[in-house]
Amino acid sequence: MQLPAPTARRGRDFVARHGETVFNAARRLQGDAPHTPLTRAGFAQAEEMGRALRAELGARPALTLYASPTGRALQTLAVIAEHLELDWHAARTDERLVEIGMGSWGGRYYADVIAEVGEVILPGGLLKCAPDGERYAGIAARVGGWLADTAADDGDRLVVMHGISSRVLRGVATGAPVDACGAPVLPGHPQGTVTMLERGVERVVHLGTGHAPA
């Protein structure tokens, strides 16, 4: 696939992977399920991200808040926003930031799907696409569209999203080469991780303590 060159923004993007959820703890394929609440470990990871960003940015930073519209992303953002003394209600959501769609595999236990089709976590930690699920090129198109549509945003942003879709967004934003999956991807990080993207370069701000990579 051919993607447009990443657009340099006038600001930094802090990309956060949400905290652990009840699906993660139960080892279920979560995909784009809209409402899977955080566990106590997930809330603790959100607290860690909030403290790390407070140390990085201080109180009440000039920071535009974005999130996937899923409950787990918004719960994570609520905790981080409290640490930063920012208004969670000012956050913007966008469907293009959701997780990979897993089709009929969504919500099922990893073990049950593996028993039917073999391993679903590929080398490098990406998820195998379900027969009726979303393809990586489609993820790249939607997150790339979001990046392009918001490229004129001024200042810094916090974007709370998901394990797989954030790998693709980070890949698109940094101009990473297209992987065998069909999209540019960067390495996966545990839940509760925050990285910073600035002019096509990524830096880890806080490495989470959750599961990795999917």
Foldseek 3Di string as FASTA:
>chain_A
DDDDAADAAQAKEKEAEAFAFPCVVQQAAAFQPAETAHDPRRLVLLLVLLVLVCVVANAPHPAAEEEANGPRLLVSVVNSCVSNVHDSVRYHYDPLQAGWFQPPRHGGHQVVVCVPPNHQQDVLGDGNHHPPTDAPQVNLVSLSVVSVVCRHDHYYYYYYGHQRSVQQNLQNNLVADQDPSGGGGDHAAFHSWIWMDHNNDIDTSDGTDHDDRD
